[in-house]
């Protein structure tokens, strides 16, 4: 399974388990208060505010792709994640448009 297929499967699974999750998550991204952010930042913020947690964190990737396709955000390139569990894995730094 490719990364794109995995992200799509995660998104579909999130929607199956939590109907309306994808639209709500997109709305959360569009209203995120920071101009620059990583997906991890949005996810952690959402979880801290009681936003429903999808079965896989990869579901957030599909939300970011959709926001990008809508022209709401764009990539500034790759940076290293800050969380301890990610071990500095590179990830996209997003910027609102």
Protein backbone atom coordinates (compact mmCIF):
# COMPACT_ATOMS: atom_id res chain seq x y z
CA UNK A 1 0.00 0.00 0.00
CA UNK A 2 1.40 3.39 -0.97
CA UNK A 3 1.51 6.35 1.40
CA UNK A 4 -1.34 8.00 -0.50
CA UNK A 5 -3.45 4.84 -0.23
CA UNK A 6 -2.62 4.55 3.47
CA UNK A 7 -3.68 8.13 4.16
CA UNK A 8 -6.92 7.60 2.22
CA UNK A 9 -7.64 4.38 4.09
CA UNK A 10 -7.01 6.15 7.42
CA UNK A 11 -9.35 8.95 6.44
CA UNK A 12 -12.08 6.51 5.40
CA UNK A 13 -11.65 4.52 8.60
CA UNK A 14 -11.92 7.71 10.70
CA UNK A 15 -15.13 8.61 8.89
CA UNK A 16 -16.53 5.11 9.43
CA UNK A 17 -15.81 5.24 13.17
CA UNK A 18 -16.64 8.93 13.72
CA UNK A 19 -19.15 10.13 11.08
CA UNK A 20 -18.41 13.71 10.05
CA UNK A 21 -14.84 13.55 11.40
CA UNK A 22 -13.14 14.58 8.15
CA UNK A 23 -15.25 17.72 7.67
CA UNK A 24 -14.88 18.69 11.34
CA UNK A 25 -11.12 18.13 11.18
CA UNK A 26 -10.85 20.25 8.04
CA UNK A 27 -12.79 23.03 9.75
CA UNK A 28 -10.41 22.76 12.72
CA UNK A 29 -7.40 23.16 10.39
CA UNK A 30 -8.97 26.13 8.61
CA UNK A 31 -9.56 27.85 11.96
CA UNK A 32 -6.22 26.92 13.54
CA UNK A 33 -4.86 30.16 15.05
CA UNK A 34 -1.21 29.86 13.95
CA UNK A 35 -0.07 30.95 10.49
CA UNK A 36 2.64 28.28 10.31
CA UNK A 37 2.26 24.82 11.78
CA UNK A 38 2.93 21.14 11.43
CA UNK A 39 0.19 18.53 11.27
CA UNK A 40 1.41 17.30 14.65
CA UNK A 41 0.72 20.76 16.15
CA UNK A 42 -2.86 20.78 14.87
CA UNK A 43 -3.49 17.22 16.04
CA UNK A 44 -2.16 17.87 19.54
CA UNK A 45 -4.16 21.08 19.83
CA UNK A 46 -7.34 19.34 18.69
CA UNK A 47 -6.84 16.46 21.11
CA UNK A 48 -6.17 18.83 24.01
CA UNK A 49 -9.51 20.52 23.31
CA UNK A 50 -11.43 17.25 23.30
CA UNK A 51 -11.67 16.82 19.53
CA UNK A 52 -12.51 13.19 18.64
CA UNK A 53 -9.37 11.13 18.12
CA UNK A 54 -9.41 9.12 14.87
CA UNK A 55 -8.36 5.45 14.88
CA UNK A 56 -5.08 6.46 13.17
CA UNK A 57 -3.11 9.71 13.33
CA UNK A 58 -2.58 9.33 9.59
CA UNK A 59 -6.16 10.53 9.05
CA UNK A 60 -4.89 14.06 9.73
CA UNK A 61 -2.70 13.73 6.62
CA UNK A 62 -5.76 13.46 4.41
CA UNK A 63 -7.19 16.58 6.03
CA UNK A 64 -4.01 18.53 5.27
CA UNK A 65 -4.01 17.34 1.67
CA UNK A 66 -7.63 18.50 1.30
CA UNK A 67 -6.83 21.90 2.84
CA UNK A 68 -3.91 22.23 0.42
CA UNK A 69 -6.08 21.29 -2.59
CA UNK A 70 -8.61 23.93 -1.50
CA UNK A 71 -5.83 26.55 -1.50
CA UNK A 72 -6.10 27.22 2.23
CA UNK A 73 -2.54 26.13 3.08
CA UNK A 74 0.71 25.39 1.31
CA UNK A 75 3.93 23.62 2.16
CA UNK A 76 7.00 25.56 3.27
CA UNK A 77 9.11 22.41 3.09
CA UNK A 78 10.22 19.74 5.47
CA UNK A 79 11.35 20.26 9.07
CA UNK A 80 12.07 17.85 11.89
CA UNK A 81 9.19 16.98 14.22
CA UNK A 82 9.59 18.14 17.80
CA UNK A 83 7.85 15.36 19.72
CA UNK A 84 9.94 12.78 21.56
CA UNK A 85 8.08 9.85 20.01
CA UNK A 86 8.85 11.04 16.46
CA UNK A 87 12.64 10.97 16.96
CA UNK A 88 13.09 14.02 14.73
CA UNK A 89 11.33 12.54 11.70
CA UNK A 90 10.99 15.10 8.89
CA UNK A 91 7.47 16.42 8.28
CA UNK A 92 5.80 19.21 6.32
CA UNK A 93 5.68 22.73 7.72
CA UNK A 94 2.41 24.27 6.53
CA UNK A 95 1.47 27.92 6.11
CA UNK A 96 -1.98 29.45 5.81
CA UNK A 97 -2.75 31.37 2.64
